[in-house]
Full PDB file with SEQRES, HELIX, SHEET, SSBOND, CRYST1, ORIGX, SCALE, CONECT and MASTER records, all heavy atoms in Angstrom:
SEQRES   1 A   42  ALA ALA LEU ALA ASP LEU ARG GLN MET ALA GLU ALA ASP          
SEQRES   2 A   42  PRO ALA GLY ALA ALA ARG ALA LEU ASP ARG VAL ARG GLU          
SEQRES   3 A   42  LEU ARG GLU ALA VAL HIS GLU LEU VAL THR ALA LEU LEU          
SEQRES   4 A   42  GLY ALA ALA                                                  
HELIX    1 AA1 ALA A    2  ALA A   12  1                                  11    
HELIX    2 AA2 PRO A   14  LEU A   38  1                                  25    
CRYST1    1.000    1.000    1.000  90.00  90.00  90.00 P 1           1          
ORIGX1      1.000000  0.000000  0.000000        0.00000                         
ORIGX2      0.000000  1.000000  0.000000        0.00000                         
ORIGX3      0.000000  0.000000  1.000000        0.00000                         
SCALE1      1.000000  0.000000  0.000000        0.00000                         
SCALE2      0.000000  1.000000  0.000000        0.00000                         
SCALE3      0.000000  0.000000  1.000000        0.00000                         
ATOM      1  N   ALA A   1      -2.207  58.468-122.241  1.00  0.00           N  
ATOM      2  CA  ALA A   1      -2.107  57.165-121.589  1.00  0.00           C  
ATOM      3  C   ALA A   1      -1.160  56.250-122.355  1.00  0.00           C  
ATOM      4  O   ALA A   1      -0.381  55.492-121.753  1.00  0.00           O  
ATOM      5  CB  ALA A   1      -3.486  56.523-121.482  1.00  0.00           C  
ATOM      6  N   ALA A   2      -1.213  56.316-123.675  1.00  0.00           N  
ATOM      7  CA  ALA A   2      -0.308  55.507-124.496  1.00  0.00           C  
ATOM      8  C   ALA A   2       1.134  55.932-124.275  1.00  0.00           C  
ATOM      9  O   ALA A   2       2.039  55.092-124.164  1.00  0.00           O  
ATOM     10  CB  ALA A   2      -0.684  55.626-125.967  1.00  0.00           C  
ATOM     11  N   LEU A   3       1.366  57.236-124.204  1.00  0.00           N  
ATOM     12  CA  LEU A   3       2.720  57.737-123.975  1.00  0.00           C  
ATOM     13  C   LEU A   3       3.223  57.352-122.588  1.00  0.00           C  
ATOM     14  O   LEU A   3       4.409  57.055-122.408  1.00  0.00           O  
ATOM     15  CB  LEU A   3       2.761  59.252-124.159  1.00  0.00           C  
ATOM     16  CG  LEU A   3       2.413  59.764-125.565  1.00  0.00           C  
ATOM     17  CD1 LEU A   3       2.506  61.290-125.616  1.00  0.00           C  
ATOM     18  CD2 LEU A   3       3.323  59.143-126.615  1.00  0.00           C  
ATOM     19  N   ALA A   4       2.326  57.340-121.615  1.00  0.00           N  
ATOM     20  CA  ALA A   4       2.706  56.910-120.261  1.00  0.00           C  
ATOM     21  C   ALA A   4       3.105  55.434-120.272  1.00  0.00           C  
ATOM     22  O   ALA A   4       4.073  55.035-119.605  1.00  0.00           O  
ATOM     23  CB  ALA A   4       1.560  57.158-119.288  1.00  0.00           C  
ATOM     24  N   ASP A   5       2.366  54.614-121.017  1.00  0.00           N  
ATOM     25  CA  ASP A   5       2.712  53.200-121.137  1.00  0.00           C  
ATOM     26  C   ASP A   5       4.087  53.034-121.781  1.00  0.00           C  
ATOM     27  O   ASP A   5       4.900  52.196-121.350  1.00  0.00           O  
ATOM     28  CB  ASP A   5       1.670  52.463-121.970  1.00  0.00           C  
ATOM     29  CG  ASP A   5       0.341  52.297-121.237  1.00  0.00           C  
ATOM     30  OD1 ASP A   5       0.319  52.452-120.002  1.00  0.00           O  
ATOM     31  OD2 ASP A   5      -0.675  52.024-121.914  1.00  0.00           O  
ATOM     32  N   LEU A   6       4.350  53.828-122.807  1.00  0.00           N  
ATOM     33  CA  LEU A   6       5.649  53.755-123.480  1.00  0.00           C  
ATOM     34  C   LEU A   6       6.780  54.146-122.541  1.00  0.00           C  
ATOM     35  O   LEU A   6       7.871  53.559-122.573  1.00  0.00           O  
ATOM     36  CB  LEU A   6       5.654  54.652-124.718  1.00  0.00           C  
ATOM     37  CG  LEU A   6       4.789  54.211-125.895  1.00  0.00           C  
ATOM     38  CD1 LEU A   6       4.804  55.271-126.989  1.00  0.00           C  
ATOM     39  CD2 LEU A   6       5.256  52.869-126.444  1.00  0.00           C  
ATOM     40  N   ARG A   7       6.531  55.150-121.709  1.00  0.00           N  
ATOM     41  CA  ARG A   7       7.563  55.585-120.764  1.00  0.00           C  
ATOM     42  C   ARG A   7       7.909  54.442-119.796  1.00  0.00           C  
ATOM     43  O   ARG A   7       9.086  54.200-119.507  1.00  0.00           O  
ATOM     44  CB  ARG A   7       7.095  56.816-119.992  1.00  0.00           C  
ATOM     45  CG  ARG A   7       8.174  57.437-119.125  1.00  0.00           C  
ATOM     46  CD  ARG A   7       7.691  58.737-118.509  1.00  0.00           C  
ATOM     47  NE  ARG A   7       7.347  59.715-119.534  1.00  0.00           N  
ATOM     48  CZ  ARG A   7       8.235  60.482-120.155  1.00  0.00           C  
ATOM     49  NH1 ARG A   7       9.519  60.370-119.866  1.00  0.00           N  
ATOM     50  NH2 ARG A   7       7.832  61.354-121.061  1.00  0.00           N  
ATOM     51  N   GLN A   8       6.898  53.745-119.323  1.00  0.00           N  
ATOM     52  CA  GLN A   8       7.139  52.619-118.423  1.00  0.00           C  
ATOM     53  C   GLN A   8       7.903  51.501-119.137  1.00  0.00           C  
ATOM     54  O   GLN A   8       8.826  50.894-118.578  1.00  0.00           O  
ATOM     55  CB  GLN A   8       5.818  52.092-117.887  1.00  0.00           C  
ATOM     56  CG  GLN A   8       5.131  53.031-116.890  1.00  0.00           C  
ATOM     57  CD  GLN A   8       3.867  52.420-116.308  1.00  0.00           C  
ATOM     58  OE1 GLN A   8       3.352  51.420-116.806  1.00  0.00           O  
ATOM     59  NE2 GLN A   8       3.359  53.035-115.254  1.00  0.00           N  
ATOM     60  N   MET A   9       7.523  51.228-120.383  1.00  0.00           N  
ATOM     61  CA  MET A   9       8.218  50.201-121.155  1.00  0.00           C  
ATOM     62  C   MET A   9       9.682  50.571-121.364  1.00  0.00           C  
ATOM     63  O   MET A   9      10.577  49.720-121.270  1.00  0.00           O  
ATOM     64  CB  MET A   9       7.540  50.021-122.518  1.00  0.00           C  
ATOM     65  CG  MET A   9       6.160  49.410-122.478  1.00  0.00           C  
ATOM     66  SD  MET A   9       5.464  49.280-124.160  1.00  0.00           S  
ATOM     67  CE  MET A   9       3.792  48.740-123.790  1.00  0.00           C  
ATOM     68  N   ALA A  10       9.917  51.848-121.657  1.00  0.00           N  
ATOM     69  CA  ALA A  10      11.287  52.311-121.910  1.00  0.00           C  
ATOM     70  C   ALA A  10      12.139  52.207-120.655  1.00  0.00           C  
ATOM     71  O   ALA A  10      13.321  51.856-120.713  1.00  0.00           O  
ATOM     72  CB  ALA A  10      11.268  53.745-122.423  1.00  0.00           C  
ATOM     73  N   GLU A  11      11.553  52.520-119.508  1.00  0.00           N  
ATOM     74  CA  GLU A  11      12.290  52.411-118.253  1.00  0.00           C  
ATOM     75  C   GLU A  11      12.637  50.963-117.940  1.00  0.00           C  
ATOM     76  O   GLU A  11      13.707  50.675-117.386  1.00  0.00           O  
ATOM     77  CB  GLU A  11      11.465  53.024-117.121  1.00  0.00           C  
ATOM     78  CG  GLU A  11      11.334  54.544-117.225  1.00  0.00           C  
ATOM     79  CD  GLU A  11      10.362  55.128-116.204  1.00  0.00           C  
ATOM     80  OE1 GLU A  11       9.687  54.329-115.514  1.00  0.00           O  
ATOM     81  OE2 GLU A  11      10.281  56.366-116.107  1.00  0.00           O  
ATOM     82  N   ALA A  12      11.747  50.056-118.322  1.00  0.00           N  
ATOM     83  CA  ALA A  12      11.988  48.639-118.077  1.00  0.00           C  
ATOM     84  C   ALA A  12      12.950  48.025-119.090  1.00  0.00           C  
ATOM     85  O   ALA A  12      13.608  47.015-118.801  1.00  0.00           O  
ATOM     86  CB  ALA A  12      10.664  47.877-118.098  1.00  0.00           C  
ATOM     87  N   ASP A  13      13.040  48.619-120.272  1.00  0.00           N  
ATOM     88  CA  ASP A  13      13.875  48.074-121.349  1.00  0.00           C  
ATOM     89  C   ASP A  13      14.590  49.209-122.082  1.00  0.00           C  
ATOM     90  O   ASP A  13      14.260  49.535-123.217  1.00  0.00           O  
ATOM     91  CB  ASP A  13      13.004  47.271-122.325  1.00  0.00           C  
ATOM     92  CG  ASP A  13      13.807  46.599-123.434  1.00  0.00           C  
ATOM     93  OD1 ASP A  13      15.051  46.593-123.356  1.00  0.00           O  
ATOM     94  OD2 ASP A  13      13.177  46.083-124.391  1.00  0.00           O  
ATOM     95  N   PRO A  14      15.595  49.820-121.440  1.00  0.00           N  
ATOM     96  CA  PRO A  14      16.281  50.955-122.077  1.00  0.00           C  
ATOM     97  C   PRO A  14      16.969  50.590-123.384  1.00  0.00           C  
ATOM     98  O   PRO A  14      17.026  51.405-124.310  1.00  0.00           O  
ATOM     99  CB  PRO A  14      17.287  51.406-121.010  1.00  0.00           C  
ATOM    100  CG  PRO A  14      17.393  50.270-120.051  1.00  0.00           C  
ATOM    101  CD  PRO A  14      16.089  49.563-120.075  1.00  0.00           C  
ATOM    102  N   ALA A  15      17.497  49.371-123.487  1.00  0.00           N  
ATOM    103  CA  ALA A  15      18.150  48.967-124.739  1.00  0.00           C  
ATOM    104  C   ALA A  15      17.128  48.869-125.869  1.00  0.00           C  
ATOM    105  O   ALA A  15      17.381  49.303-126.997  1.00  0.00           O  
ATOM    106  CB  ALA A  15      18.872  47.638-124.550  1.00  0.00           C  
ATOM    107  N   GLY A  16      15.963  48.317-125.553  1.00  0.00           N  
ATOM    108  CA  GLY A  16      14.905  48.239-126.558  1.00  0.00           C  
ATOM    109  C   GLY A  16      14.413  49.612-126.957  1.00  0.00           C  
ATOM    110  O   GLY A  16      14.107  49.861-128.135  1.00  0.00           O  
ATOM    111  N   ALA A  17      14.341  50.536-125.996  1.00  0.00           N  
ATOM    112  CA  ALA A  17      13.920  51.905-126.293  1.00  0.00           C  
ATOM    113  C   ALA A  17      14.933  52.589-127.201  1.00  0.00           C  
ATOM    114  O   ALA A  17      14.560  53.332-128.115  1.00  0.00           O  
ATOM    115  CB  ALA A  17      13.756  52.691-124.996  1.00  0.00           C  
ATOM    116  N   ALA A  18      16.216  52.334-126.970  1.00  0.00           N  
ATOM    117  CA  ALA A  18      17.253  52.936-127.814  1.00  0.00           C  
ATOM    118  C   ALA A  18      17.134  52.431-129.247  1.00  0.00           C  
ATOM    119  O   ALA A  18      17.291  53.199-130.210  1.00  0.00           O  
ATOM    120  CB  ALA A  18      18.636  52.615-127.247  1.00  0.00           C  
ATOM    121  N   ARG A  19      16.847  51.133-129.397  1.00  0.00           N  
ATOM    122  CA  ARG A  19      16.676  50.592-130.751  1.00  0.00           C  
ATOM    123  C   ARG A  19      15.434  51.179-131.416  1.00  0.00           C  
ATOM    124  O   ARG A  19      15.440  51.475-132.623  1.00  0.00           O  
ATOM    125  CB  ARG A  19      16.584  49.068-130.693  1.00  0.00           C  
ATOM    126  CG  ARG A  19      17.890  48.384-130.312  1.00  0.00           C  
ATOM    127  CD  ARG A  19      17.805  46.881-130.531  1.00  0.00           C  
ATOM    128  NE  ARG A  19      16.833  46.251-129.630  1.00  0.00           N  
ATOM    129  CZ  ARG A  19      17.120  45.776-128.430  1.00  0.00           C  
ATOM    130  NH1 ARG A  19      18.351  45.881-127.945  1.00  0.00           N  
ATOM    131  NH2 ARG A  19      16.190  45.192-127.690  1.00  0.00           N  
ATOM    132  N   ALA A  20      14.373  51.361-130.645  1.00  0.00           N  
ATOM    133  CA  ALA A  20      13.151  51.955-131.195  1.00  0.00           C  
ATOM    134  C   ALA A  20      13.406  53.392-131.641  1.00  0.00           C  
ATOM    135  O   ALA A  20      12.898  53.832-132.687  1.00  0.00           O  
ATOM    136  CB  ALA A  20      12.032  51.902-130.159  1.00  0.00           C  
ATOM    137  N   LEU A  21      14.185  54.133-130.862  1.00  0.00           N  
ATOM    138  CA  LEU A  21      14.533  55.501-131.251  1.00  0.00           C  
ATOM    139  C   LEU A  21      15.337  55.505-132.545  1.00  0.00           C  
ATOM    140  O   LEU A  21      15.119  56.351-133.424  1.00  0.00           O  
ATOM    141  CB  LEU A  21      15.324  56.175-130.135  1.00  0.00           C  
ATOM    142  CG  LEU A  21      15.875  57.570-130.464  1.00  0.00           C  
ATOM    143  CD1 LEU A  21      14.741  58.556-130.762  1.00  0.00           C  
ATOM    144  CD2 LEU A  21      16.737  58.087-129.307  1.00  0.00           C  
ATOM    145  N   ASP A  22      16.258  54.554-132.673  1.00  0.00           N  
ATOM    146  CA  ASP A  22      17.046  54.468-133.905  1.00  0.00           C  
ATOM    147  C   ASP A  22      16.140  54.260-135.112  1.00  0.00           C  
ATOM    148  O   ASP A  22      16.396  54.801-136.204  1.00  0.00           O  
ATOM    149  CB  ASP A  22      18.059  53.327-133.816  1.00  0.00           C  
ATOM    150  CG  ASP A  22      19.245  53.660-132.920  1.00  0.00           C  
ATOM    151  OD1 ASP A  22      19.467  54.861-132.646  1.00  0.00           O  
ATOM    152  OD2 ASP A  22      19.937  52.714-132.493  1.00  0.00           O  
ATOM    153  N   ARG A  23      15.073  53.480-134.946  1.00  0.00           N  
ATOM    154  CA  ARG A  23      14.161  53.249-136.068  1.00  0.00           C  
ATOM    155  C   ARG A  23      13.380  54.515-136.412  1.00  0.00           C  
ATOM    156  O   ARG A  23      13.104  54.784-137.593  1.00  0.00           O  
ATOM    157  CB  ARG A  23      13.237  52.076-135.751  1.00  0.00           C  
ATOM    158  CG  ARG A  23      13.946  50.728-135.832  1.00  0.00           C  
ATOM    159  CD  ARG A  23      12.997  49.552-135.673  1.00  0.00           C  
ATOM    160  NE  ARG A  23      12.655  49.289-134.281  1.00  0.00           N  
ATOM    161  CZ  ARG A  23      13.361  48.513-133.453  1.00  0.00           C  
ATOM    162  NH1 ARG A  23      14.494  47.963-133.869  1.00  0.00           N  
ATOM    163  NH2 ARG A  23      12.950  48.296-132.219  1.00  0.00           N  
ATOM    164  N   VAL A  24      13.017  55.296-135.412  1.00  0.00           N  
ATOM    165  CA  VAL A  24      12.360  56.579-135.682  1.00  0.00           C  
ATOM    166  C   VAL A  24      13.314  57.495-136.429  1.00  0.00           C  
ATOM    167  O   VAL A  24      12.925  58.173-137.394  1.00  0.00           O  
ATOM    168  CB  VAL A  24      11.889  57.244-134.370  1.00  0.00           C  
ATOM    169  CG1 VAL A  24      11.420  58.677-134.632  1.00  0.00           C  
ATOM    170  CG2 VAL A  24      10.770  56.440-133.737  1.00  0.00           C  
ATOM    171  N   ARG A  25      14.548  57.531-136.008  1.00  0.00           N  
ATOM    172  CA  ARG A  25      15.547  58.368-136.697  1.00  0.00           C  
ATOM    173  C   ARG A  25      15.738  57.919-138.141  1.00  0.00           C  
ATOM    174  O   ARG A  25      15.855  58.747-139.050  1.00  0.00           O  
ATOM    175  CB  ARG A  25      16.886  58.300-135.961  1.00  0.00           C  
ATOM    176  CG  ARG A  25      16.949  59.088-134.659  1.00  0.00           C  
ATOM    177  CD  ARG A  25      18.250  58.800-133.971  1.00  0.00           C  
ATOM    178  NE  ARG A  25      18.507  59.695-132.848  1.00  0.00           N  
ATOM    179  CZ  ARG A  25      19.325  59.396-131.841  1.00  0.00           C  
ATOM    180  NH1 ARG A  25      19.940  58.224-131.825  1.00  0.00           N  
ATOM    181  NH2 ARG A  25      19.521  60.254-130.860  1.00  0.00           N  
ATOM    182  N   GLU A  26      15.803  56.603-138.351  1.00  0.00           N  
ATOM    183  CA  GLU A  26      15.980  56.091-139.711  1.00  0.00           C  
ATOM    184  C   GLU A  26      14.805  56.504-140.595  1.00  0.00           C  
ATOM    185  O   GLU A  26      14.998  56.935-141.746  1.00  0.00           O  
ATOM    186  CB  GLU A  26      16.111  54.574-139.685  1.00  0.00           C  
ATOM    187  CG  GLU A  26      16.339  53.971-141.068  1.00  0.00           C  
ATOM    188  CD  GLU A  26      16.361  52.457-141.042  1.00  0.00           C  
ATOM    189  OE1 GLU A  26      15.292  51.867-140.740  1.00  0.00           O  
ATOM    190  OE2 GLU A  26      17.426  51.883-141.328  1.00  0.00           O  
ATOM    191  N   LEU A  27      13.586  56.373-140.066  1.00  0.00           N  
ATOM    192  CA  LEU A  27      12.409  56.810-140.809  1.00  0.00           C  
ATOM    193  C   LEU A  27      12.488  58.300-141.107  1.00  0.00           C  
ATOM    194  O   LEU A  27      12.223  58.735-142.234  1.00  0.00           O  
ATOM    195  CB  LEU A  27      11.147  56.502-140.003  1.00  0.00           C  
ATOM    196  CG  LEU A  27       9.833  57.070-140.564  1.00  0.00           C  
ATOM    197  CD1 LEU A  27       9.494  56.422-141.896  1.00  0.00           C  
ATOM    198  CD2 LEU A  27       8.698  56.882-139.561  1.00  0.00           C  
ATOM    199  N   ARG A  28      12.844  59.080-140.106  1.00  0.00           N  
ATOM    200  CA  ARG A  28      12.943  60.536-140.267  1.00  0.00           C  
ATOM    201  C   ARG A  28      13.895  60.907-141.393  1.00  0.00           C  
ATOM    202  O   ARG A  28      13.560  61.741-142.258  1.00  0.00           O  
ATOM    203  CB  ARG A  28      13.432  61.149-138.953  1.00  0.00           C  
ATOM    204  CG  ARG A  28      13.641  62.660-138.984  1.00  0.00           C  
ATOM    205  CD  ARG A  28      14.336  63.135-137.710  1.00  0.00           C  
ATOM    206  NE  ARG A  28      15.684  62.584-137.605  1.00  0.00           N  
ATOM    207  CZ  ARG A  28      16.438  62.677-136.507  1.00  0.00           C  
ATOM    208  NH1 ARG A  28      15.979  63.278-135.423  1.00  0.00           N  
ATOM    209  NH2 ARG A  28      17.663  62.154-136.494  1.00  0.00           N  
ATOM    210  N   GLU A  29      15.068  60.291-141.424  1.00  0.00           N  
ATOM    211  CA  GLU A  29      16.054  60.650-142.436  1.00  0.00           C  
ATOM    212  C   GLU A  29      15.642  60.170-143.820  1.00  0.00           C  
ATOM    213  O   GLU A  29      15.895  60.847-144.818  1.00  0.00           O  
ATOM    214  CB  GLU A  29      17.422  60.087-142.050  1.00  0.00           C  
ATOM    215  CG  GLU A  29      17.977  60.660-140.752  1.00  0.00           C  
ATOM    216  CD  GLU A  29      17.911  62.179-140.719  1.00  0.00           C  
ATOM    217  OE1 GLU A  29      18.500  62.817-141.614  1.00  0.00           O  
ATOM    218  OE2 GLU A  29      17.249  62.722-139.814  1.00  0.00           O  
ATOM    219  N   ALA A  30      14.994  59.016-143.894  1.00  0.00           N  
ATOM    220  CA  ALA A  30      14.518  58.524-145.189  1.00  0.00           C  
ATOM    221  C   ALA A  30      13.435  59.446-145.740  1.00  0.00           C  
ATOM    222  O   ALA A  30      13.412  59.758-146.941  1.00  0.00           O  
ATOM    223  CB  ALA A  30      13.992  57.097-145.053  1.00  0.00           C  
ATOM    224  N   VAL A  31      12.525  59.902-144.870  1.00  0.00           N  
ATOM    225  CA  VAL A  31      11.479  60.830-145.305  1.00  0.00           C  
ATOM    226  C   VAL A  31      12.092  62.144-145.758  1.00  0.00           C  
ATOM    227  O   VAL A  31      11.698  62.700-146.793  1.00  0.00           O  
ATOM    228  CB  VAL A  31      10.453  61.067-144.178  1.00  0.00           C  
ATOM    229  CG1 VAL A  31       9.523  62.222-144.536  1.00  0.00           C  
ATOM    230  CG2 VAL A  31       9.654  59.807-143.915  1.00  0.00           C  
ATOM    231  N   HIS A  32      13.075  62.636-145.010  1.00  0.00           N  
ATOM    232  CA  HIS A  32      13.723  63.891-145.410  1.00  0.00           C  
ATOM    233  C   HIS A  32      14.357  63.751-146.788  1.00  0.00           C  
ATOM    234  O   HIS A  32      14.218  64.630-147.645  1.00  0.00           O  
ATOM    235  CB  HIS A  32      14.785  64.285-144.385  1.00  0.00           C  
ATOM    236  CG  HIS A  32      15.554  65.513-144.778  1.00  0.00           C  
ATOM    237  ND1 HIS A  32      16.772  65.462-145.433  1.00  0.00           N  
ATOM    238  CD2 HIS A  32      15.261  66.828-144.636  1.00  0.00           C  
ATOM    239  CE1 HIS A  32      17.190  66.683-145.663  1.00  0.00           C  
ATOM    240  NE2 HIS A  32      16.293  67.536-145.201  1.00  0.00           N  
ATOM    241  N   GLU A  33      15.047  62.653-147.016  1.00  0.00           N  
ATOM    242  CA  GLU A  33      15.699  62.439-148.305  1.00  0.00           C  
ATOM    243  C   GLU A  33      14.674  62.353-149.431  1.00  0.00           C  
ATOM    244  O   GLU A  33      14.871  62.911-150.521  1.00  0.00           O  
ATOM    245  CB  GLU A  33      16.538  61.157-148.248  1.00  0.00           C  
ATOM    246  CG  GLU A  33      17.387  60.928-149.483  1.00  0.00           C  
ATOM    247  CD  GLU A  33      18.278  59.709-149.357  1.00  0.00           C  
ATOM    248  OE1 GLU A  33      18.395  59.159-148.239  1.00  0.00           O  
ATOM    249  OE2 GLU A  33      18.851  59.284-150.389  1.00  0.00           O  
ATOM    250  N   LEU A  34      13.582  61.675-149.151  1.00  0.00           N  
ATOM    251  CA  LEU A  34      12.562  61.487-150.182  1.00  0.00           C  
ATOM    252  C   LEU A  34      11.830  62.793-150.470  1.00  0.00           C  
ATOM    253  O   LEU A  34      11.597  63.143-151.644  1.00  0.00           O  
ATOM    254  CB  LEU A  34      11.584  60.411-149.724  1.00  0.00           C  
ATOM    255  CG  LEU A  34      10.622  59.815-150.750  1.00  0.00           C  
ATOM    256  CD1 LEU A  34      11.349  59.437-152.031  1.00  0.00           C  
ATOM    257  CD2 LEU A  34       9.918  58.610-150.159  1.00  0.00           C  
ATOM    258  N   VAL A  35      11.474  63.539-149.431  1.00  0.00           N  
ATOM    259  CA  VAL A  35      10.804  64.822-149.640  1.00  0.00           C  
ATOM    260  C   VAL A  35      11.723  65.784-150.381  1.00  0.00           C  
ATOM    261  O   VAL A  35      11.295  66.506-151.285  1.00  0.00           O  
ATOM    262  CB  VAL A  35      10.354  65.424-148.297  1.00  0.00           C  
ATOM    263  CG1 VAL A  35       9.892  66.863-148.474  1.00  0.00           C  
ATOM    264  CG2 VAL A  35       9.221  64.593-147.692  1.00  0.00           C  
ATOM    265  N   THR A  36      12.998  65.784-150.017  1.00  0.00           N  
ATOM    266  CA  THR A  36      13.963  66.646-150.701  1.00  0.00           C  
ATOM    267  C   THR A  36      14.002  66.340-152.192  1.00  0.00           C  
ATOM    268  O   THR A  36      14.016  67.244-153.029  1.00  0.00           O  
ATOM    269  CB  THR A  36      15.359  66.459-150.093  1.00  0.00           C  
ATOM    270  OG1 THR A  36      15.345  66.859-148.722  1.00  0.00           O  
ATOM    271  CG2 THR A  36      16.392  67.300-150.833  1.00  0.00           C  
ATOM    272  N   ALA A  37      14.000  65.058-152.518  1.00  0.00           N  
ATOM    273  CA  ALA A  37      14.011  64.670-153.926  1.00  0.00           C  
ATOM    274  C   ALA A  37      12.726  65.096-154.624  1.00  0.00           C  
ATOM    275  O   ALA A  37      12.753  65.609-155.748  1.00  0.00           O  
ATOM    276  CB  ALA A  37      14.212  63.167-154.045  1.00  0.00           C  
ATOM    277  N   LEU A  38      11.595  64.883-153.961  1.00  0.00           N  
ATOM    278  CA  LEU A  38      10.322  65.231-154.575  1.00  0.00           C  
ATOM    279  C   LEU A  38      10.176  66.733-154.785  1.00  0.00           C  
ATOM    280  O   LEU A  38       9.498  67.182-155.703  1.00  0.00           O  
ATOM    281  CB  LEU A  38       9.169  64.702-153.717  1.00  0.00           C  
ATOM    282  CG  LEU A  38       9.047  63.174-153.677  1.00  0.00           C  
ATOM    283  CD1 LEU A  38       8.014  62.741-152.653  1.00  0.00           C  
ATOM    284  CD2 LEU A  38       8.685  62.628-155.050  1.00  0.00           C  
ATOM    285  N   LEU A  39      10.817  67.506-153.933  1.00  0.00           N  
ATOM    286  CA  LEU A  39      10.773  68.953-154.105  1.00  0.00           C  
ATOM    287  C   LEU A  39      11.728  69.437-155.189  1.00  0.00           C  
ATOM    288  O   LEU A  39      11.705  70.599-155.582  1.00  0.00           O  
ATOM    289  CB  LEU A  39      11.126  69.649-152.781  1.00  0.00           C  
ATOM    290  CG  LEU A  39      10.039  69.632-151.714  1.00  0.00           C  
ATOM    291  CD1 LEU A  39      10.572  70.221-150.418  1.00  0.00           C  
ATOM    292  CD2 LEU A  39       8.836  70.422-152.181  1.00  0.00           C  
ATOM    293  N   GLY A  40      12.578  68.552-155.655  1.00  0.00           N  
ATOM    294  CA  GLY A  40      13.511  68.956-156.699  1.00  0.00           C  
ATOM    295  C   GLY A  40      14.657  69.782-156.166  1.00  0.00           C  
ATOM    296  O   GLY A  40      15.270  70.533-156.913  1.00  0.00           O  
ATOM    297  N   ALA A  41      14.975  69.644-154.859  1.00  0.00           N  
ATOM    298  CA  ALA A  41      16.027  70.465-154.264  1.00  0.00           C  
ATOM    299  C   ALA A  41      17.396  70.169-154.863  1.00  0.00           C  
ATOM    300  O   ALA A  41      18.255  71.046-154.907  1.00  0.00           O  
ATOM    301  CB  ALA A  41      16.064  70.243-152.751  1.00  0.00           C  
ATOM    302  N   ALA A  42      17.604  68.938-155.292  1.00  0.00           N  
ATOM    303  CA  ALA A  42      18.903  68.591-155.847  1.00  0.00           C  
ATOM    304  C   ALA A  42      18.838  68.410-157.362  1.00  0.00           C  
ATOM    305  O   ALA A  42      19.703  67.776-157.950  1.00  0.00           O  
ATOM    306  CB  ALA A  42      19.418  67.312-155.198  1.00  0.00           C  
TER     307      ALA A  42                                                      
MASTER        0    0    0    2    0    0    0    6  306    1    0    4          
END                                                                             
């Protein structure tokens, strides 16, 4: 139900949805960088 609500919000505000996606991507890349460091990969 929450995901259905989000879909409706995104359809009503595609620009806002695009910005929200960018924030998810930013979080994703920051977590990847941090986990990589914690694993000692570099």
